[in-house]
Each structure stands twice: as structure tokens, then as C-alpha cells.
Amino acid sequence: MDIESIAIVGPTASGKTQLAVRVMKRWPVFEVVSVDSMTIYKEFAVGTAKPTDEELQGLPYHLISLISIQEEFSLGSFLRIVDVLRTELKNRGRHALFVGGTSLYLRAVVDGVLPPPRYLGLRSWLETLGAYVDPGYIYILLKAVDPKAASKIEKNNVRRSIRALEVALGSGGLRSVHGEVFSKTTSSKTIQFGIDLPRDLLYQRIEERIKVQLSSGWIDEVEGILKSGVQFSRTAAQAIGYREFASYLRGEITLEEAVESTIVRTRNLAKRQLAWLRRDERILWANGSEEVFDLISKSL
């Protein structure tokens, strides 16, 4: 096999995990390496659609349930773990099958991209500033300093805006979290296969999955976290649904409002994921999991 690894990509709820399990059963030489910033947390299971032991049936699925939601996890943390794992897989004659919905992590493993440097003192100052000013001010400041990064970040996403400002200001305007290193595509030893679905079908799948998650105990999962008193890290606090259902359990919103907000946020996530993925012309797209599986079969 000439390729070093393959990746199954697509928006959330498109069926990536189920397809990955099928690929591992057909070609045992592959082991899944999760490319997801939320399944990394031990306490998140139902709400992140983390594969169950029953689904995996003993098949290897790396980089899930590694740390507590109290801990921060970054692109740099992810890449350090992946680097060690890749060496282990190579020594065992295995190949990585990257699966997940965190686009930045995906591009990093596909193109060997290193994360921008950190300026912790500056970041601390920016976080202090962000606690005292309107969130819109942080975004306005970013737009003035690094308009390219601002164009790719939601106006109300203070965490990402602060990170972008940290890089832009700390480097004296020489670096950006969305600089050329993230916009160019190069040749890669990783073949990417994309699951393409009609937008209405994707939205239907999102709503159906959320209903299944609720019936599988998602609210109980959130309640258990709240009762434990564990504090969410900045990264973990971005997880879709957990904030909404925590608000419901505290009596701040109704269950219907929590569910609707979760659906809307998940749809918006899917839109962002697709927008990012569509920019990569190397991805081999096919309609639905079955056609993608056939495409993989012909490529291996």
C-alpha cells in the first residue's frame, strides 16, 4: 500500500464513524485516529456521538476519552499525541484512518501543519480584557489587526477571536491562525474521502440523531456532570448541547428551547465544516456512505 493513511471527512451526522468501522472490518490494516476536539473528553459520550464499545466490537479507535473536561486541549496537544501514535502504527505495520469533524485538526494531520506559536502572557491579558468589555469589541479589534482571520471566525466566538489576536499581536503581524499555511493545499500521503449528502437529508439526520441522543440519556449525562461540580475548560465549554441542556436543568430555558438551540448550532457547525472542506480540491467526494465505501475499495 503506497499511501500512508486515509481520512473519512464530511459534516457532522453524515455517517463518518459508522463508515470507519466498516472500513476497519474490511481492511484490518487500518486503525481509526479520531480527529475530533470533543470526543477527546472522558465525560462527553452521548452528546458527542462517541462510538460505543458495542459499535466498535473491539476495533481500535484512538484519541477518544483521553482527558477530563477540566483540562485544556489544543491543536498542539493533539499533534503531539498523533505524532507518537503514527510511529506506533508504523512499527506495527498499520495505517491511520483519520475520522472526525474538527477541520483544523484534519488539515494539520493531512498537511503536516504546525500550530501558530503561543504567547501566554499576551493571551492572559486579552482574556482579562475580554471579561470586562463587550464581546463585539474583541472581534472589532481582531478585524482591525487580522481581517483575514476575522472573516473566518464567528463574531460572538470570543475564545477563537482571542486566540487569533494572540497570534497576530504576538508575532507583530507576521503570523495568523488563518495564514497561507492553512489556505494552501499540497500533495499528501493521506487520501481524503468525503461523504456528500443533500442539505435537507443532512438536516434531517442531525435532528434524528439529536432525538436518539436524548432518548439515550444525554440530559442525564449533563446532569451528572453538573452534580459532580467539575468545571468546564474553555475548550470543553464549546461543546454543542451541553451548555443548552445545562441551562435547561438550571431552569433558565425550556427543554424545547434547549433542543431547538442545539439543532440550530449543529446545523451551523455542519455549514462551517462543509465550507472548510469544499476548499480542499484533493477530497474525493461521493454521495452517501455506500458510494464512499465503493470509492475507497477502488482506491486501495
C-alpha atoms as a PDB file:
ATOM      1  CA  MET A   1       0.000   0.000   0.000  1.00  0.00           C
ATOM      2  CA  ASP A   2       1.635   3.255  -1.181  1.00  0.00           C
ATOM      3  CA  ILE A   3      -0.476   5.600   0.917  1.00  0.00           C
ATOM      4  CA  GLU A   4       0.441   6.408   4.486  1.00  0.00           C
ATOM      5  CA  SER A   5      -3.114   6.972   5.689  1.00  0.00           C
ATOM      6  CA  ILE A   6      -6.665   7.747   4.615  1.00  0.00           C
ATOM      7  CA  ALA A   7      -9.273  10.110   6.021  1.00  0.00           C
ATOM      8  CA  ILE A   8     -13.064   9.982   6.006  1.00  0.00           C
ATOM      9  CA  VAL A   9     -14.424  13.521   6.079  1.00  0.00           C
ATOM     10  CA  GLY A  10     -17.805  15.189   5.957  1.00  0.00           C
ATOM     11  CA  PRO A  11     -20.163  17.277   8.087  1.00  0.00           C
ATOM     12  CA  THR A  12     -21.432  16.158  11.453  1.00  0.00           C
ATOM     13  CA  ALA A  13     -24.103  13.413  11.320  1.00  0.00           C
ATOM     14  CA  SER A  14     -23.067  12.328   7.817  1.00  0.00           C
ATOM     15  CA  GLY A  15     -22.145   8.805   8.986  1.00  0.00           C
ATOM     16  CA  LYS A  16     -18.338   9.004   9.239  1.00  0.00           C
ATOM     17  CA  THR A  17     -17.967   6.798  12.318  1.00  0.00           C
ATOM     18  CA  GLN A  18     -20.173   4.000  11.019  1.00  0.00           C
ATOM     19  CA  LEU A  19     -18.305   4.012   7.708  1.00  0.00           C
ATOM     20  CA  ALA A  20     -14.950   3.948   9.510  1.00  0.00           C
ATOM     21  CA  VAL A  21     -15.979   0.867  11.476  1.00  0.00           C
ATOM     22  CA  ARG A  22     -16.993  -0.820   8.231  1.00  0.00           C
ATOM     23  CA  VAL A  23     -13.645   0.046   6.624  1.00  0.00           C
ATOM     24  CA  MET A  24     -11.705  -1.394   9.578  1.00  0.00           C
ATOM     25  CA  LYS A  25     -13.676  -4.632   9.374  1.00  0.00           C
ATOM     26  CA  ARG A  26     -12.935  -4.916   5.643  1.00  0.00           C
ATOM     27  CA  TRP A  27      -9.289  -3.817   5.865  1.00  0.00           C
ATOM     28  CA  PRO A  28      -7.898  -4.615   9.343  1.00  0.00           C
ATOM     29  CA  VAL A  29      -4.658  -2.848   8.455  1.00  0.00           C
ATOM     30  CA  PHE A  30      -6.398   0.443   9.326  1.00  0.00           C
ATOM     31  CA  GLU A  31      -6.900   1.826  12.835  1.00  0.00           C
ATOM     32  CA  VAL A  32      -9.076   4.870  13.455  1.00  0.00           C
ATOM     33  CA  VAL A  33      -7.456   8.009  14.795  1.00  0.00           C
ATOM     34  CA  SER A  34     -10.156  10.415  15.954  1.00  0.00           C
ATOM     35  CA  VAL A  35      -9.885  13.967  14.600  1.00  0.00           C
ATOM     36  CA  ASP A  36     -12.451  15.450  16.963  1.00  0.00           C
ATOM     37  CA  SER A  37     -11.857  18.080  19.636  1.00  0.00           C
ATOM     38  CA  MET A  38     -14.816  16.969  21.790  1.00  0.00           C
ATOM     39  CA  THR A  39     -14.708  13.150  21.867  1.00  0.00           C
ATOM     40  CA  ILE A  40     -11.281  13.617  23.472  1.00  0.00           C
ATOM     41  CA  TYR A  41     -13.112  14.289  26.770  1.00  0.00           C
ATOM     42  CA  LYS A  42     -13.972  11.406  29.088  1.00  0.00           C
ATOM     43  CA  GLU A  43     -17.200  12.949  30.410  1.00  0.00           C
ATOM     44  CA  PHE A  44     -18.646  13.583  26.939  1.00  0.00           C
ATOM     45  CA  ALA A  45     -20.141  10.446  25.418  1.00  0.00           C
ATOM     46  CA  VAL A  46     -23.802  10.599  24.390  1.00  0.00           C
ATOM     47  CA  GLY A  47     -23.715  14.241  23.330  1.00  0.00           C
ATOM     48  CA  THR A  48     -20.641  13.852  21.130  1.00  0.00           C
ATOM     49  CA  ALA A  49     -21.945  10.711  19.408  1.00  0.00           C
ATOM     50  CA  LYS A  50     -18.856   8.891  20.651  1.00  0.00           C
ATOM     51  CA  PRO A  51     -18.788   5.308  19.327  1.00  0.00           C
ATOM     52  CA  THR A  52     -19.828   2.737  21.927  1.00  0.00           C
ATOM     53  CA  ASP A  53     -17.992  -0.476  22.773  1.00  0.00           C
ATOM     54  CA  GLU A  54     -20.865  -2.338  21.153  1.00  0.00           C
ATOM     55  CA  GLU A  55     -20.398  -0.441  17.899  1.00  0.00           C
ATOM     56  CA  LEU A  56     -16.631  -0.895  17.867  1.00  0.00           C
ATOM     57  CA  GLN A  57     -16.679  -4.606  18.755  1.00  0.00           C
ATOM     58  CA  GLY A  58     -13.075  -4.441  19.910  1.00  0.00           C
ATOM     59  CA  LEU A  59     -11.836  -2.482  16.892  1.00  0.00           C
ATOM     60  CA  PRO A  60      -9.158   0.162  17.628  1.00  0.00           C
ATOM     61  CA  TYR A  61     -10.382   3.761  17.898  1.00  0.00           C
ATOM     62  CA  HIS A  62      -7.646   6.055  19.148  1.00  0.00           C
ATOM     63  CA  LEU A  63      -7.797   9.528  20.743  1.00  0.00           C
ATOM     64  CA  ILE A  64     -11.169   9.337  22.446  1.00  0.00           C
ATOM     65  CA  SER A  65     -11.851   9.677  26.190  1.00  0.00           C
ATOM     66  CA  LEU A  66      -8.299  10.757  26.999  1.00  0.00           C
ATOM     67  CA  ILE A  67      -8.717  13.750  29.319  1.00  0.00           C
ATOM     68  CA  SER A  68     -11.208  15.412  31.662  1.00  0.00           C
ATOM     69  CA  ILE A  69     -13.346  18.358  30.609  1.00  0.00           C
ATOM     70  CA  GLN A  70     -11.463  20.354  33.238  1.00  0.00           C
ATOM     71  CA  GLU A  71      -8.338  20.216  31.074  1.00  0.00           C
ATOM     72  CA  GLU A  72      -7.494  22.458  28.145  1.00  0.00           C
ATOM     73  CA  PHE A  73      -6.721  20.741  24.856  1.00  0.00           C
ATOM     74  CA  SER A  74      -5.196  22.456  21.843  1.00  0.00           C
ATOM     75  CA  LEU A  75      -4.063  21.696  18.321  1.00  0.00           C
ATOM     76  CA  GLY A  76      -0.526  21.418  19.656  1.00  0.00           C
ATOM     77  CA  SER A  77      -1.616  18.858  22.269  1.00  0.00           C
ATOM     78  CA  PHE A  78      -3.399  16.877  19.579  1.00  0.00           C
ATOM     79  CA  LEU A  79      -0.427  16.843  17.210  1.00  0.00           C
ATOM     80  CA  ARG A  80       1.994  15.685  19.907  1.00  0.00           C
ATOM     81  CA  ILE A  81      -0.211  12.658  20.628  1.00  0.00           C
ATOM     82  CA  VAL A  82      -0.747  11.917  16.934  1.00  0.00           C
ATOM     83  CA  ASP A  83       2.993  12.047  16.253  1.00  0.00           C
ATOM     84  CA  VAL A  84       3.631   9.319  18.842  1.00  0.00           C
ATOM     85  CA  LEU A  85       0.661   7.273  17.626  1.00  0.00           C
ATOM     86  CA  ARG A  86       1.768   7.408  13.995  1.00  0.00           C
ATOM     87  CA  THR A  87       5.147   5.974  14.960  1.00  0.00           C
ATOM     88  CA  GLU A  88       3.476   3.180  16.915  1.00  0.00           C
ATOM     89  CA  LEU A  89       1.183   2.333  13.986  1.00  0.00           C
ATOM     90  CA  LYS A  90       4.094   2.288  11.550  1.00  0.00           C
ATOM     91  CA  ASN A  91       6.061  -0.044  13.798  1.00  0.00           C
ATOM     92  CA  ARG A  92       3.087  -2.428  13.858  1.00  0.00           C
ATOM     93  CA  GLY A  93       2.572  -2.267  10.104  1.00  0.00           C
ATOM     94  CA  ARG A  94      -0.719  -0.405  10.451  1.00  0.00           C
ATOM     95  CA  HIS A  95      -2.150   2.690   8.773  1.00  0.00           C
ATOM     96  CA  ALA A  96      -4.071   5.581  10.277  1.00  0.00           C
ATOM     97  CA  LEU A  97      -7.709   6.123   9.314  1.00  0.00           C
ATOM     98  CA  PHE A  98      -8.459   9.709  10.324  1.00  0.00           C
ATOM     99  CA  VAL A  99     -12.110  10.312  11.180  1.00  0.00           C
ATOM    100  CA  GLY A 100     -13.765  13.321  12.780  1.00  0.00           C
ATOM    101  CA  GLY A 101     -15.260  16.747  12.352  1.00  0.00           C
ATOM    102  CA  THR A 102     -12.624  19.176  13.630  1.00  0.00           C
ATOM    103  CA  SER A 103     -11.424  20.678  10.365  1.00  0.00           C
ATOM    104  CA  LEU A 104      -8.319  22.353  11.771  1.00  0.00           C
ATOM    105  CA  TYR A 105      -7.110  19.062  13.251  1.00  0.00           C
ATOM    106  CA  LEU A 106      -7.758  17.342   9.933  1.00  0.00           C
ATOM    107  CA  ARG A 107      -5.753  19.820   7.901  1.00  0.00           C
ATOM    108  CA  ALA A 108      -2.930  19.617  10.425  1.00  0.00           C
ATOM    109  CA  VAL A 109      -2.555  15.829  10.099  1.00  0.00           C
ATOM    110  CA  VAL A 110      -3.086  15.792   6.331  1.00  0.00           C
ATOM    111  CA  ASP A 111      -0.609  18.577   5.551  1.00  0.00           C
ATOM    112  CA  GLY A 112       1.772  18.309   8.490  1.00  0.00           C
ATOM    113  CA  VAL A 113       0.918  21.825   9.624  1.00  0.00           C
ATOM    114  CA  LEU A 114       2.350  23.089  12.899  1.00  0.00           C
ATOM    115  CA  PRO A 115       0.150  25.321  15.070  1.00  0.00           C
ATOM    116  CA  PRO A 116       0.990  29.020  15.400  1.00  0.00           C
ATOM    117  CA  PRO A 117       3.163  29.922  18.415  1.00  0.00           C
ATOM    118  CA  ARG A 118       1.638  30.758  21.792  1.00  0.00           C
ATOM    119  CA  TYR A 119       2.161  33.996  23.723  1.00  0.00           C
ATOM    120  CA  LEU A 120       0.750  33.106  27.130  1.00  0.00           C
ATOM    121  CA  GLY A 121       1.312  36.485  28.795  1.00  0.00           C
ATOM    122  CA  LEU A 122      -0.453  38.277  25.966  1.00  0.00           C
ATOM    123  CA  ARG A 123      -3.261  35.729  25.955  1.00  0.00           C
ATOM    124  CA  SER A 124      -3.795  36.200  29.693  1.00  0.00           C
ATOM    125  CA  TRP A 125      -4.070  39.956  29.166  1.00  0.00           C
ATOM    126  CA  LEU A 126      -6.531  39.507  26.291  1.00  0.00           C
ATOM    127  CA  GLU A 127      -8.684  37.132  28.358  1.00  0.00           C
ATOM    128  CA  THR A 128      -8.756  39.674  31.188  1.00  0.00           C
ATOM    129  CA  LEU A 129      -9.779  42.357  28.703  1.00  0.00           C
ATOM    130  CA  GLY A 130     -12.438  40.072  27.245  1.00  0.00           C
ATOM    131  CA  ALA A 131     -14.010  39.621  30.674  1.00  0.00           C
ATOM    132  CA  TYR A 132     -14.610  43.365  31.034  1.00  0.00           C
ATOM    133  CA  VAL A 133     -15.635  44.514  27.571  1.00  0.00           C
ATOM    134  CA  ASP A 134     -18.445  43.671  25.192  1.00  0.00           C
ATOM    135  CA  PRO A 135     -17.632  40.520  23.128  1.00  0.00           C
ATOM    136  CA  GLY A 136     -18.112  42.573  19.978  1.00  0.00           C
ATOM    137  CA  TYR A 137     -15.177  44.767  20.926  1.00  0.00           C
ATOM    138  CA  ILE A 138     -12.756  41.818  20.819  1.00  0.00           C
ATOM    139  CA  TYR A 139     -13.986  40.941  17.331  1.00  0.00           C
ATOM    140  CA  ILE A 140     -13.688  44.572  16.149  1.00  0.00           C
ATOM    141  CA  LEU A 141     -10.120  44.631  17.416  1.00  0.00           C
ATOM    142  CA  LEU A 142      -9.336  41.384  15.584  1.00  0.00           C
ATOM    143  CA  LYS A 143     -10.922  42.721  12.404  1.00  0.00           C
ATOM    144  CA  ALA A 144      -8.575  45.717  12.533  1.00  0.00           C
ATOM    145  CA  VAL A 145      -5.461  43.632  13.275  1.00  0.00           C
ATOM    146  CA  ASP A 146      -6.102  40.497  11.199  1.00  0.00           C
ATOM    147  CA  PRO A 147      -9.123  40.883   8.888  1.00  0.00           C
ATOM    148  CA  LYS A 148      -8.415  37.549   7.182  1.00  0.00           C
ATOM    149  CA  ALA A 149      -8.728  35.646  10.453  1.00  0.00           C
ATOM    150  CA  ALA A 150     -11.782  37.699  11.428  1.00  0.00           C
ATOM    151  CA  SER A 151     -13.546  36.742   8.194  1.00  0.00           C
ATOM    152  CA  LYS A 152     -13.351  33.066   9.201  1.00  0.00           C
ATOM    153  CA  ILE A 153     -14.445  33.443  12.836  1.00  0.00           C
ATOM    154  CA  GLU A 154     -17.970  33.983  14.173  1.00  0.00           C
ATOM    155  CA  LYS A 155     -18.444  37.418  15.718  1.00  0.00           C
ATOM    156  CA  ASN A 156     -19.578  36.022  19.070  1.00  0.00           C
ATOM    157  CA  ASN A 157     -16.797  33.415  19.355  1.00  0.00           C
ATOM    158  CA  VAL A 158     -14.643  35.243  21.901  1.00  0.00           C
ATOM    159  CA  ARG A 159     -12.324  32.290  22.519  1.00  0.00           C
ATOM    160  CA  ARG A 160     -11.273  31.967  18.885  1.00  0.00           C
ATOM    161  CA  SER A 161     -11.053  35.737  18.462  1.00  0.00           C
ATOM    162  CA  ILE A 162      -8.693  35.973  21.430  1.00  0.00           C
ATOM    163  CA  ARG A 163      -6.519  33.169  20.069  1.00  0.00           C
ATOM    164  CA  ALA A 164      -6.314  34.919  16.693  1.00  0.00           C
ATOM    165  CA  LEU A 165      -5.388  38.200  18.367  1.00  0.00           C
ATOM    166  CA  GLU A 166      -2.764  36.420  20.454  1.00  0.00           C
ATOM    167  CA  VAL A 167      -1.027  35.137  17.316  1.00  0.00           C
ATOM    168  CA  ALA A 168      -1.364  38.338  15.297  1.00  0.00           C
ATOM    169  CA  LEU A 169      -0.221  40.701  18.047  1.00  0.00           C
ATOM    170  CA  GLY A 170       2.403  38.365  19.497  1.00  0.00           C
ATOM    171  CA  SER A 171       4.065  37.896  16.113  1.00  0.00           C
ATOM    172  CA  GLY A 172       3.955  41.582  15.298  1.00  0.00           C
ATOM    173  CA  GLY A 173       1.558  40.959  12.425  1.00  0.00           C
ATOM    174  CA  LEU A 174       3.761  38.301  10.797  1.00  0.00           C
ATOM    175  CA  ARG A 175       1.596  35.264  11.606  1.00  0.00           C
ATOM    176  CA  SER A 176      -2.094  34.413  11.515  1.00  0.00           C
ATOM    177  CA  VAL A 177      -4.153  31.471  12.713  1.00  0.00           C
ATOM    178  CA  HIS A 178      -5.608  31.509   9.194  1.00  0.00           C
ATOM    179  CA  GLY A 179      -2.487  32.444   7.262  1.00  0.00           C
ATOM    180  CA  GLU A 180      -1.263  30.965   3.998  1.00  0.00           C
ATOM    181  CA  VAL A 181      -0.150  27.799   5.748  1.00  0.00           C
ATOM    182  CA  PHE A 182      -3.816  26.912   6.274  1.00  0.00           C
ATOM    183  CA  SER A 183      -5.141  28.082   2.922  1.00  0.00           C
ATOM    184  CA  LYS A 184      -2.807  26.272   0.558  1.00  0.00           C
ATOM    185  CA  THR A 185      -3.151  22.596  -0.258  1.00  0.00           C
ATOM    186  CA  THR A 186      -0.218  20.413  -1.199  1.00  0.00           C
ATOM    187  CA  SER A 187       0.380  16.825  -2.203  1.00  0.00           C
ATOM    188  CA  SER A 188      -0.172  14.468   0.699  1.00  0.00           C
ATOM    189  CA  LYS A 189       0.268  10.810   1.573  1.00  0.00           C
ATOM    190  CA  THR A 190      -3.243  10.880   3.030  1.00  0.00           C
ATOM    191  CA  ILE A 191      -6.177  10.249   0.679  1.00  0.00           C
ATOM    192  CA  GLN A 192      -9.348  12.024   1.808  1.00  0.00           C
ATOM    193  CA  PHE A 193     -12.791  10.600   1.070  1.00  0.00           C
ATOM    194  CA  GLY A 194     -15.780  12.886   1.597  1.00  0.00           C
ATOM    195  CA  ILE A 195     -19.360  11.891   2.405  1.00  0.00           C
ATOM    196  CA  ASP A 196     -21.665  14.219   0.474  1.00  0.00           C
ATOM    197  CA  LEU A 197     -25.352  14.442   1.356  1.00  0.00           C
ATOM    198  CA  PRO A 198     -28.194  16.689   0.147  1.00  0.00           C
ATOM    199  CA  ARG A 199     -28.648  19.551   2.604  1.00  0.00           C
ATOM    200  CA  ASP A 200     -32.233  18.594   3.542  1.00  0.00           C
ATOM    201  CA  LEU A 201     -31.200  14.987   4.221  1.00  0.00           C
ATOM    202  CA  LEU A 202     -28.252  16.150   6.331  1.00  0.00           C
ATOM    203  CA  TYR A 203     -30.513  18.380   8.434  1.00  0.00           C
ATOM    204  CA  GLN A 204     -32.956  15.525   8.856  1.00  0.00           C
ATOM    205  CA  ARG A 205     -30.138  13.261  10.044  1.00  0.00           C
ATOM    206  CA  ILE A 206     -28.995  15.932  12.509  1.00  0.00           C
ATOM    207  CA  GLU A 207     -32.464  16.191  14.068  1.00  0.00           C
ATOM    208  CA  GLU A 208     -32.885  12.420  14.170  1.00  0.00           C
ATOM    209  CA  ARG A 209     -29.506  11.947  15.830  1.00  0.00           C
ATOM    210  CA  ILE A 210     -30.296  14.536  18.496  1.00  0.00           C
ATOM    211  CA  LYS A 211     -33.586  12.741  19.251  1.00  0.00           C
ATOM    212  CA  VAL A 212     -31.715   9.445  19.607  1.00  0.00           C
ATOM    213  CA  GLN A 213     -29.125  11.091  21.859  1.00  0.00           C
ATOM    214  CA  LEU A 214     -31.863  12.486  24.088  1.00  0.00           C
ATOM    215  CA  SER A 215     -33.532   9.093  24.368  1.00  0.00           C
ATOM    216  CA  SER A 216     -30.113   7.580  25.144  1.00  0.00           C
ATOM    217  CA  GLY A 217     -29.625   9.733  28.226  1.00  0.00           C
ATOM    218  CA  TRP A 218     -27.968  12.940  27.060  1.00  0.00           C
ATOM    219  CA  ILE A 219     -29.738  15.069  29.678  1.00  0.00           C
ATOM    220  CA  ASP A 220     -28.815  12.567  32.394  1.00  0.00           C
ATOM    221  CA  GLU A 221     -25.206  12.831  31.223  1.00  0.00           C
ATOM    222  CA  VAL A 222     -25.278  16.625  31.542  1.00  0.00           C
ATOM    223  CA  GLU A 223     -26.977  16.403  34.933  1.00  0.00           C
ATOM    224  CA  GLY A 224     -24.279  14.047  36.170  1.00  0.00           C
ATOM    225  CA  ILE A 225     -21.561  16.485  35.111  1.00  0.00           C
ATOM    226  CA  LEU A 226     -23.313  19.377  36.860  1.00  0.00           C
ATOM    227  CA  LYS A 227     -23.759  17.385  40.065  1.00  0.00           C
ATOM    228  CA  SER A 228     -20.082  16.408  40.052  1.00  0.00           C
ATOM    229  CA  GLY A 229     -19.124  20.068  40.282  1.00  0.00           C
ATOM    230  CA  VAL A 230     -16.495  19.671  37.563  1.00  0.00           C
ATOM    231  CA  GLN A 231     -15.687  22.963  35.856  1.00  0.00           C
ATOM    232  CA  PHE A 232     -15.584  23.035  32.060  1.00  0.00           C
ATOM    233  CA  SER A 233     -12.331  24.145  30.426  1.00  0.00           C
ATOM    234  CA  ARG A 234     -12.605  26.844  27.752  1.00  0.00           C
ATOM    235  CA  THR A 235     -12.388  24.231  25.012  1.00  0.00           C
ATOM    236  CA  ALA A 236     -14.890  21.812  26.546  1.00  0.00           C
ATOM    237  CA  ALA A 237     -17.354  24.659  27.130  1.00  0.00           C
ATOM    238  CA  GLN A 238     -17.759  24.963  23.350  1.00  0.00           C
ATOM    239  CA  ALA A 239     -19.388  21.528  23.081  1.00  0.00           C
ATOM    240  CA  ILE A 240     -22.764  21.799  21.393  1.00  0.00           C
ATOM    241  CA  GLY A 241     -25.762  20.844  23.509  1.00  0.00           C
ATOM    242  CA  TYR A 242     -24.073  20.661  26.895  1.00  0.00           C
ATOM    243  CA  ARG A 243     -24.470  24.367  27.564  1.00  0.00           C
ATOM    244  CA  GLU A 244     -28.059  24.302  26.338  1.00  0.00           C
ATOM    245  CA  PHE A 245     -29.126  21.335  28.452  1.00  0.00           C
ATOM    246  CA  ALA A 246     -27.278  22.698  31.479  1.00  0.00           C
ATOM    247  CA  SER A 247     -29.345  25.883  31.098  1.00  0.00           C
ATOM    248  CA  TYR A 248     -32.497  23.763  30.904  1.00  0.00           C
ATOM    249  CA  LEU A 249     -31.574  21.832  34.063  1.00  0.00           C
ATOM    250  CA  ARG A 250     -30.971  25.103  35.903  1.00  0.00           C
ATOM    251  CA  GLY A 251     -34.462  26.265  34.896  1.00  0.00           C
ATOM    252  CA  GLU A 252     -33.188  29.093  32.673  1.00  0.00           C
ATOM    253  CA  ILE A 253     -34.827  27.859  29.454  1.00  0.00           C
ATOM    254  CA  THR A 254     -37.403  25.244  28.476  1.00  0.00           C
ATOM    255  CA  LEU A 255     -36.487  21.828  27.116  1.00  0.00           C
ATOM    256  CA  GLU A 256     -37.958  22.812  23.743  1.00  0.00           C
ATOM    257  CA  GLU A 257     -35.710  25.885  23.627  1.00  0.00           C
ATOM    258  CA  ALA A 258     -32.661  23.814  24.560  1.00  0.00           C
ATOM    259  CA  VAL A 259     -33.366  21.261  21.847  1.00  0.00           C
ATOM    260  CA  GLU A 260     -34.030  23.919  19.190  1.00  0.00           C
ATOM    261  CA  SER A 261     -30.836  25.794  20.068  1.00  0.00           C
ATOM    262  CA  THR A 262     -28.867  22.539  19.869  1.00  0.00           C
ATOM    263  CA  ILE A 263     -30.321  21.761  16.436  1.00  0.00           C
ATOM    264  CA  VAL A 264     -29.533  25.248  15.122  1.00  0.00           C
ATOM    265  CA  ARG A 265     -25.957  25.193  16.464  1.00  0.00           C
ATOM    266  CA  THR A 266     -25.394  21.729  14.973  1.00  0.00           C
ATOM    267  CA  ARG A 267     -26.696  22.843  11.583  1.00  0.00           C
ATOM    268  CA  ASN A 268     -24.402  25.864  11.686  1.00  0.00           C
ATOM    269  CA  LEU A 269     -21.478  23.610  12.566  1.00  0.00           C
ATOM    270  CA  ALA A 270     -22.269  21.421   9.552  1.00  0.00           C
ATOM    271  CA  LYS A 271     -22.307  24.505   7.303  1.00  0.00           C
ATOM    272  CA  ARG A 272     -18.889  25.629   8.593  1.00  0.00           C
ATOM    273  CA  GLN A 273     -17.441  22.161   8.195  1.00  0.00           C
ATOM    274  CA  LEU A 274     -18.636  21.923   4.594  1.00  0.00           C
ATOM    275  CA  ALA A 275     -17.370  25.404   3.761  1.00  0.00           C
ATOM    276  CA  TRP A 276     -13.929  24.446   5.054  1.00  0.00           C
ATOM    277  CA  LEU A 277     -13.840  21.048   3.351  1.00  0.00           C
ATOM    278  CA  ARG A 278     -15.031  22.363  -0.014  1.00  0.00           C
ATOM    279  CA  ARG A 279     -11.885  24.483  -0.252  1.00  0.00           C
ATOM    280  CA  ASP A 280      -9.733  21.343  -0.408  1.00  0.00           C
ATOM    281  CA  GLU A 281      -9.769  20.149  -4.007  1.00  0.00           C
ATOM    282  CA  ARG A 282      -7.982  16.904  -3.089  1.00  0.00           C
ATOM    283  CA  ILE A 283     -11.017  15.425  -1.322  1.00  0.00           C
ATOM    284  CA  LEU A 284     -12.724  12.642  -3.288  1.00  0.00           C
ATOM    285  CA  TRP A 285     -16.451  13.149  -2.755  1.00  0.00           C
ATOM    286  CA  ALA A 286     -19.245  10.618  -3.211  1.00  0.00           C
ATOM    287  CA  ASN A 287     -22.950  10.574  -2.371  1.00  0.00           C
ATOM    288  CA  GLY A 288     -23.561   8.775   0.903  1.00  0.00           C
ATOM    289  CA  SER A 289     -21.605   6.174   2.848  1.00  0.00           C
ATOM    290  CA  GLU A 290     -22.219   3.313   0.406  1.00  0.00           C
ATOM    291  CA  GLU A 291     -20.727   5.179  -2.557  1.00  0.00           C
ATOM    292  CA  VAL A 292     -17.814   6.388  -0.436  1.00  0.00           C
ATOM    293  CA  PHE A 293     -17.109   2.799   0.627  1.00  0.00           C
ATOM    294  CA  ASP A 294     -17.058   1.750  -3.038  1.00  0.00           C
ATOM    295  CA  LEU A 295     -14.719   4.643  -3.803  1.00  0.00           C
ATOM    296  CA  ILE A 296     -12.366   3.560  -1.022  1.00  0.00           C
ATOM    297  CA  SER A 297     -12.461  -0.025  -2.339  1.00  0.00           C
ATOM    298  CA  LYS A 298     -11.372   1.125  -5.776  1.00  0.00           C
ATOM    299  CA  SER A 299      -8.596   3.328  -4.369  1.00  0.00           C
ATOM    300  CA  LEU A 300      -6.888   0.764  -2.136  1.00  0.00           C
END
